[in-house]
Each structure stands twice: as C-alpha cells, then as structure tokens.
Amino acid sequence: MNKNLLSGGLAIIAIVIAIMNYISIAELNSNIKENPNGNAQGNKLEDEEDEHYELAKAMGYLQTFSHKLYLAGENENWELSEFYAHEIEETIEEIEEAKVVDEGYDISKLVGTMTNPSFEKVEKSIYEKDVKAFTDSYKLLVQSCNACHQTTKHQFIKIDIPKNKGIFNQDFGQ
C-alpha cells in the first residue's frame, strides 16, 4: 500500500508540474503575440529606453587610462603601458558595441574611425619600446580625441598631454 501511495503522490506532483509548465508556456506565447518584436517581457524595453549607455563614464575611463598610459610610457614602463593600452582598447570596443548615438552623432562609429589609426601607432610604439614614437603617437591620439569632440560639438572638452603625475597615487616607473 505504501508503494501505491508513493506512486500516486509522485503522479500528482508530476501533473502539477506539467500544469505549471503549460501555464508558463501559455503566458510566454501570449506575451509574444502582444509583442511581435520578440520582447516577451511586456513593455519592459519601452520602459528601459530611458536608460542609456553612460558615455560620459566610458569617456572618463578613457581619459584616466590614457593619462596613466602616458605616464607609464614616458617612464618606459612598457608592461604597464601594455596594460593601459589594453584597457583603452576594451573601452573603445565597448563604446563601439553599445551603438551610441548622441545628439544625432554616431559616437560608436566616430570613436573607432577617429581614434583607431592613432591608437594603433601608440600600440606599435609600445611593442617596439620606442619612447620617441610613443610620445609622438600619443600626441596624435590626443589630437584625434579633440577632433572627435569638435566634430560632435563638444569642443569644450579638451584633452591635453599630461604635464605631471597629477592625481594618481601610483608609481609609473619600472
């Protein structure tokens, strides 16, 4: 009798789970019909449209990483320079992938097209451990940042070559 009771209990549990799955699938199908764009979460995307990619935060990271990159490169700390170059590259890729359009400007496209040529020269100078080429290519990188700011009517944001160690409590030597 215990076997029959156990079998019956398991059968009831299986039926309850099957019904719950059926209800969940029916709700998903209903949401899909209501939202043909494939958003099964109702109006969540519409509500989240107000949320946007924090471009200023990403640009702040670029500024910090590029400042530290410069200080490391000037001190011929090529390992640290490689680290910050990698962080810059990742941040640029993140901006490109975010498909940022701000005030009618395709920032994601501009960041790549305007900074990549000069940034590649910076990377090459690090790879070659050439401090003169590093300094020259870094200046080009700063010019490309400022040209992008001009293009997007943000000329009031002016990036400059670091003049000193600044605010960082970090040793940039080897």
C-alpha atoms as a PDB file:
ATOM      1  CA  MET A   1       0.000   0.000   0.000  1.00  0.00           C
ATOM      2  CA  ASN A   2       2.895   2.351   0.670  1.00  0.00           C
ATOM      3  CA  LYS A   3       4.100   1.807  -2.886  1.00  0.00           C
ATOM      4  CA  ASN A   4       0.684   2.752  -4.254  1.00  0.00           C
ATOM      5  CA  LEU A   5       0.570   5.843  -2.048  1.00  0.00           C
ATOM      6  CA  LEU A   6       4.068   6.876  -3.114  1.00  0.00           C
ATOM      7  CA  SER A   7       3.284   6.244  -6.792  1.00  0.00           C
ATOM      8  CA  GLY A   8       0.063   8.229  -6.522  1.00  0.00           C
ATOM      9  CA  GLY A   9       1.836  11.120  -4.790  1.00  0.00           C
ATOM     10  CA  LEU A  10       4.534  11.228  -7.455  1.00  0.00           C
ATOM     11  CA  ALA A  11       1.891  11.156 -10.177  1.00  0.00           C
ATOM     12  CA  ILE A  12       0.098  14.137  -8.609  1.00  0.00           C
ATOM     13  CA  ILE A  13       3.374  16.078  -8.342  1.00  0.00           C
ATOM     14  CA  ALA A  14       4.158  15.303 -11.996  1.00  0.00           C
ATOM     15  CA  ILE A  15       0.698  16.513 -13.051  1.00  0.00           C
ATOM     16  CA  VAL A  16       1.085  19.750 -11.045  1.00  0.00           C
ATOM     17  CA  ILE A  17       4.495  20.427 -12.630  1.00  0.00           C
ATOM     18  CA  ALA A  18       3.091  19.737 -16.101  1.00  0.00           C
ATOM     19  CA  ILE A  19       0.203  22.159 -15.496  1.00  0.00           C
ATOM     20  CA  MET A  20       2.596  24.846 -14.218  1.00  0.00           C
ATOM     21  CA  ASN A  21       4.780  24.420 -17.310  1.00  0.00           C
ATOM     22  CA  TYR A  22       1.725  24.627 -19.558  1.00  0.00           C
ATOM     23  CA  ILE A  23       0.625  27.875 -17.871  1.00  0.00           C
ATOM     24  CA  SER A  24       4.131  29.360 -18.189  1.00  0.00           C
ATOM     25  CA  ILE A  25       4.302  28.466 -21.882  1.00  0.00           C
ATOM     26  CA  ALA A  26       0.825  29.903 -22.455  1.00  0.00           C
ATOM     27  CA  GLU A  27       1.862  33.179 -20.774  1.00  0.00           C
ATOM     28  CA  LEU A  28       5.018  33.384 -22.893  1.00  0.00           C
ATOM     29  CA  ASN A  29       3.019  32.751 -26.073  1.00  0.00           C
ATOM     30  CA  SER A  30       0.565  35.455 -25.057  1.00  0.00           C
ATOM     31  CA  ASN A  31       3.390  37.935 -24.478  1.00  0.00           C
ATOM     32  CA  ILE A  32       4.943  37.063 -27.822  1.00  0.00           C
ATOM     33  CA  LYS A  33       1.613  37.712 -29.586  1.00  0.00           C
ATOM     34  CA  GLU A  34       1.266  41.044 -27.784  1.00  0.00           C
ATOM     35  CA  ASN A  35       4.870  41.991 -28.596  1.00  0.00           C
ATOM     36  CA  PRO A  36       5.757  40.733 -32.069  1.00  0.00           C
ATOM     37  CA  ASN A  37       9.251  42.248 -31.771  1.00  0.00           C
ATOM     38  CA  GLY A  38      10.122  39.233 -29.637  1.00  0.00           C
ATOM     39  CA  ASN A  39      10.231  41.004 -26.305  1.00  0.00           C
ATOM     40  CA  ALA A  40       8.499  38.516 -24.030  1.00  0.00           C
ATOM     41  CA  GLN A  41       8.762  40.888 -21.080  1.00  0.00           C
ATOM     42  CA  GLY A  42       5.860  43.108 -21.981  1.00  0.00           C
ATOM     43  CA  ASN A  43       6.666  46.801 -22.084  1.00  0.00           C
ATOM     44  CA  LYS A  44       9.967  46.428 -20.282  1.00  0.00           C
ATOM     45  CA  LEU A  45      12.030  47.548 -23.281  1.00  0.00           C
ATOM     46  CA  GLU A  46       9.886  50.617 -23.728  1.00  0.00           C
ATOM     47  CA  ASP A  47      10.400  51.471 -20.068  1.00  0.00           C
ATOM     48  CA  GLU A  48      14.130  50.863 -20.327  1.00  0.00           C
ATOM     49  CA  GLU A  49      14.573  53.094 -23.380  1.00  0.00           C
ATOM     50  CA  ASP A  50      15.075  55.948 -20.955  1.00  0.00           C
ATOM     51  CA  GLU A  51      18.115  54.086 -19.667  1.00  0.00           C
ATOM     52  CA  HIS A  52      21.067  54.675 -21.951  1.00  0.00           C
ATOM     53  CA  TYR A  53      24.715  53.877 -22.237  1.00  0.00           C
ATOM     54  CA  GLU A  54      26.731  56.098 -19.912  1.00  0.00           C
ATOM     55  CA  LEU A  55      29.051  57.602 -22.498  1.00  0.00           C
ATOM     56  CA  ALA A  56      30.496  60.177 -20.102  1.00  0.00           C
ATOM     57  CA  LYS A  57      31.529  57.386 -17.748  1.00  0.00           C
ATOM     58  CA  ALA A  58      33.240  55.468 -20.561  1.00  0.00           C
ATOM     59  CA  MET A  59      34.979  58.650 -21.725  1.00  0.00           C
ATOM     60  CA  GLY A  60      36.144  59.213 -18.156  1.00  0.00           C
ATOM     61  CA  TYR A  61      37.675  55.748 -18.180  1.00  0.00           C
ATOM     62  CA  LEU A  62      39.387  56.517 -21.484  1.00  0.00           C
ATOM     63  CA  GLN A  63      40.778  59.743 -20.057  1.00  0.00           C
ATOM     64  CA  THR A  64      42.052  58.056 -16.899  1.00  0.00           C
ATOM     65  CA  PHE A  65      43.541  55.097 -18.759  1.00  0.00           C
ATOM     66  CA  SER A  66      45.176  57.320 -21.377  1.00  0.00           C
ATOM     67  CA  HIS A  67      46.652  59.586 -18.687  1.00  0.00           C
ATOM     68  CA  LYS A  68      48.123  56.563 -16.919  1.00  0.00           C
ATOM     69  CA  LEU A  69      49.269  55.134 -20.258  1.00  0.00           C
ATOM     70  CA  TYR A  70      51.176  58.322 -20.965  1.00  0.00           C
ATOM     71  CA  LEU A  71      52.883  58.347 -17.571  1.00  0.00           C
ATOM     72  CA  ALA A  72      53.859  54.685 -17.923  1.00  0.00           C
ATOM     73  CA  GLY A  73      55.150  55.189 -21.473  1.00  0.00           C
ATOM     74  CA  GLU A  74      57.151  58.277 -20.557  1.00  0.00           C
ATOM     75  CA  ASN A  75      58.809  56.205 -17.831  1.00  0.00           C
ATOM     76  CA  GLU A  76      59.419  53.406 -20.342  1.00  0.00           C
ATOM     77  CA  ASN A  77      57.383  51.020 -18.221  1.00  0.00           C
ATOM     78  CA  TRP A  78      56.261  49.021 -21.239  1.00  0.00           C
ATOM     79  CA  GLU A  79      54.494  46.303 -19.265  1.00  0.00           C
ATOM     80  CA  LEU A  80      52.282  48.884 -17.555  1.00  0.00           C
ATOM     81  CA  SER A  81      51.852  50.699 -20.878  1.00  0.00           C
ATOM     82  CA  GLU A  82      50.590  47.474 -22.462  1.00  0.00           C
ATOM     83  CA  PHE A  83      48.132  47.049 -19.601  1.00  0.00           C
ATOM     84  CA  TYR A  84      46.625  50.520 -20.029  1.00  0.00           C
ATOM     85  CA  ALA A  85      46.636  50.238 -23.825  1.00  0.00           C
ATOM     86  CA  HIS A  86      44.605  47.051 -23.425  1.00  0.00           C
ATOM     87  CA  GLU A  87      42.145  48.814 -21.092  1.00  0.00           C
ATOM     88  CA  ILE A  88      41.758  51.636 -23.620  1.00  0.00           C
ATOM     89  CA  GLU A  89      41.178  49.144 -26.427  1.00  0.00           C
ATOM     90  CA  GLU A  90      38.499  47.337 -24.408  1.00  0.00           C
ATOM     91  CA  THR A  91      36.749  50.609 -23.582  1.00  0.00           C
ATOM     92  CA  ILE A  92      36.776  51.698 -27.234  1.00  0.00           C
ATOM     93  CA  GLU A  93      35.333  48.307 -28.237  1.00  0.00           C
ATOM     94  CA  GLU A  94      32.651  48.639 -25.554  1.00  0.00           C
ATOM     95  CA  ILE A  95      31.629  52.039 -26.909  1.00  0.00           C
ATOM     96  CA  GLU A  96      31.574  50.691 -30.470  1.00  0.00           C
ATOM     97  CA  GLU A  97      29.418  47.716 -29.456  1.00  0.00           C
ATOM     98  CA  ALA A  98      26.997  49.926 -27.497  1.00  0.00           C
ATOM     99  CA  LYS A  99      25.839  51.594 -30.749  1.00  0.00           C
ATOM    100  CA  VAL A 100      25.769  55.012 -29.083  1.00  0.00           C
ATOM    101  CA  VAL A 101      24.048  57.815 -30.961  1.00  0.00           C
ATOM    102  CA  ASP A 102      24.152  61.096 -29.072  1.00  0.00           C
ATOM    103  CA  GLU A 103      22.624  64.328 -30.318  1.00  0.00           C
ATOM    104  CA  GLY A 104      22.466  62.842 -33.814  1.00  0.00           C
ATOM    105  CA  TYR A 105      26.116  61.744 -33.907  1.00  0.00           C
ATOM    106  CA  ASP A 106      27.040  58.071 -34.236  1.00  0.00           C
ATOM    107  CA  ILE A 107      29.552  58.126 -31.395  1.00  0.00           C
ATOM    108  CA  SER A 108      30.244  54.405 -31.636  1.00  0.00           C
ATOM    109  CA  LYS A 109      31.366  54.776 -35.232  1.00  0.00           C
ATOM    110  CA  LEU A 110      33.273  58.018 -34.649  1.00  0.00           C
ATOM    111  CA  VAL A 111      35.240  56.640 -31.711  1.00  0.00           C
ATOM    112  CA  GLY A 112      36.549  53.807 -33.820  1.00  0.00           C
ATOM    113  CA  THR A 113      37.255  55.696 -37.017  1.00  0.00           C
ATOM    114  CA  MET A 114      38.802  58.729 -35.349  1.00  0.00           C
ATOM    115  CA  THR A 115      40.905  57.075 -32.648  1.00  0.00           C
ATOM    116  CA  ASN A 116      41.917  53.687 -34.047  1.00  0.00           C
ATOM    117  CA  PRO A 117      44.588  54.894 -36.513  1.00  0.00           C
ATOM    118  CA  SER A 118      46.462  56.915 -33.885  1.00  0.00           C
ATOM    119  CA  PHE A 119      45.853  54.337 -31.171  1.00  0.00           C
ATOM    120  CA  GLU A 120      47.382  51.621 -33.371  1.00  0.00           C
ATOM    121  CA  LYS A 121      50.520  53.777 -33.627  1.00  0.00           C
ATOM    122  CA  VAL A 122      50.612  54.060 -29.831  1.00  0.00           C
ATOM    123  CA  GLU A 123      50.347  50.273 -29.552  1.00  0.00           C
ATOM    124  CA  LYS A 124      53.129  49.819 -32.110  1.00  0.00           C
ATOM    125  CA  SER A 125      55.424  52.178 -30.212  1.00  0.00           C
ATOM    126  CA  ILE A 126      54.791  50.236 -27.005  1.00  0.00           C
ATOM    127  CA  TYR A 127      55.510  46.950 -28.764  1.00  0.00           C
ATOM    128  CA  GLU A 128      58.746  48.410 -30.158  1.00  0.00           C
ATOM    129  CA  LYS A 129      59.589  50.044 -26.806  1.00  0.00           C
ATOM    130  CA  ASP A 130      60.280  53.320 -28.611  1.00  0.00           C
ATOM    131  CA  VAL A 131      59.736  56.262 -26.265  1.00  0.00           C
ATOM    132  CA  LYS A 132      60.047  58.900 -29.030  1.00  0.00           C
ATOM    133  CA  ALA A 133      57.491  57.123 -31.229  1.00  0.00           C
ATOM    134  CA  PHE A 134      55.314  56.671 -28.149  1.00  0.00           C
ATOM    135  CA  THR A 135      55.334  60.392 -27.350  1.00  0.00           C
ATOM    136  CA  ASP A 136      54.625  61.346 -30.964  1.00  0.00           C
ATOM    137  CA  SER A 137      51.824  58.812 -31.406  1.00  0.00           C
ATOM    138  CA  TYR A 138      50.291  59.754 -28.058  1.00  0.00           C
ATOM    139  CA  LYS A 139      50.105  63.376 -29.242  1.00  0.00           C
ATOM    140  CA  LEU A 140      48.261  62.155 -32.349  1.00  0.00           C
ATOM    141  CA  LEU A 141      45.870  60.192 -30.150  1.00  0.00           C
ATOM    142  CA  VAL A 142      45.086  63.308 -28.104  1.00  0.00           C
ATOM    143  CA  GLN A 143      44.558  65.286 -31.325  1.00  0.00           C
ATOM    144  CA  SER A 144      42.131  62.641 -32.600  1.00  0.00           C
ATOM    145  CA  CYS A 145      40.177  62.787 -29.323  1.00  0.00           C
ATOM    146  CA  ASN A 146      39.906  66.561 -29.594  1.00  0.00           C
ATOM    147  CA  ALA A 147      38.956  66.350 -33.288  1.00  0.00           C
ATOM    148  CA  CYS A 148      36.119  63.992 -32.353  1.00  0.00           C
ATOM    149  CA  HIS A 149      34.991  66.416 -29.650  1.00  0.00           C
ATOM    150  CA  GLN A 150      34.994  69.211 -32.262  1.00  0.00           C
ATOM    151  CA  THR A 151      33.026  67.072 -34.711  1.00  0.00           C
ATOM    152  CA  THR A 152      30.358  66.283 -32.119  1.00  0.00           C
ATOM    153  CA  LYS A 153      30.062  69.894 -30.893  1.00  0.00           C
ATOM    154  CA  HIS A 154      31.813  69.079 -27.603  1.00  0.00           C
ATOM    155  CA  GLN A 155      34.811  71.295 -28.311  1.00  0.00           C
ATOM    156  CA  PHE A 156      34.631  72.492 -24.712  1.00  0.00           C
ATOM    157  CA  ILE A 157      36.096  69.097 -23.726  1.00  0.00           C
ATOM    158  CA  LYS A 158      39.807  69.479 -24.427  1.00  0.00           C
ATOM    159  CA  ILE A 159      42.216  66.654 -23.747  1.00  0.00           C
ATOM    160  CA  ASP A 160      45.847  67.570 -23.198  1.00  0.00           C
ATOM    161  CA  ILE A 161      49.177  65.832 -22.783  1.00  0.00           C
ATOM    162  CA  PRO A 162      49.677  65.160 -19.053  1.00  0.00           C
ATOM    163  CA  LYS A 163      52.021  67.744 -17.561  1.00  0.00           C
ATOM    164  CA  ASN A 164      52.790  65.865 -14.350  1.00  0.00           C
ATOM    165  CA  LYS A 165      51.889  62.778 -12.354  1.00  0.00           C
ATOM    166  CA  GLY A 166      48.714  64.540 -11.292  1.00  0.00           C
ATOM    167  CA  ILE A 167      46.205  62.950  -9.009  1.00  0.00           C
ATOM    168  CA  PHE A 168      47.377  59.367  -9.207  1.00  0.00           C
ATOM    169  CA  ASN A 169      48.962  57.748  -6.177  1.00  0.00           C
ATOM    170  CA  GLN A 170      50.750  55.253  -8.383  1.00  0.00           C
ATOM    171  CA  ASP A 171      54.398  54.756  -9.286  1.00  0.00           C
ATOM    172  CA  PHE A 172      54.674  54.693 -13.073  1.00  0.00           C
ATOM    173  CA  GLY A 173      58.379  53.806 -13.136  1.00  0.00           C
ATOM    174  CA  GLN A 174      59.750  50.314 -13.587  1.00  0.00           C
END
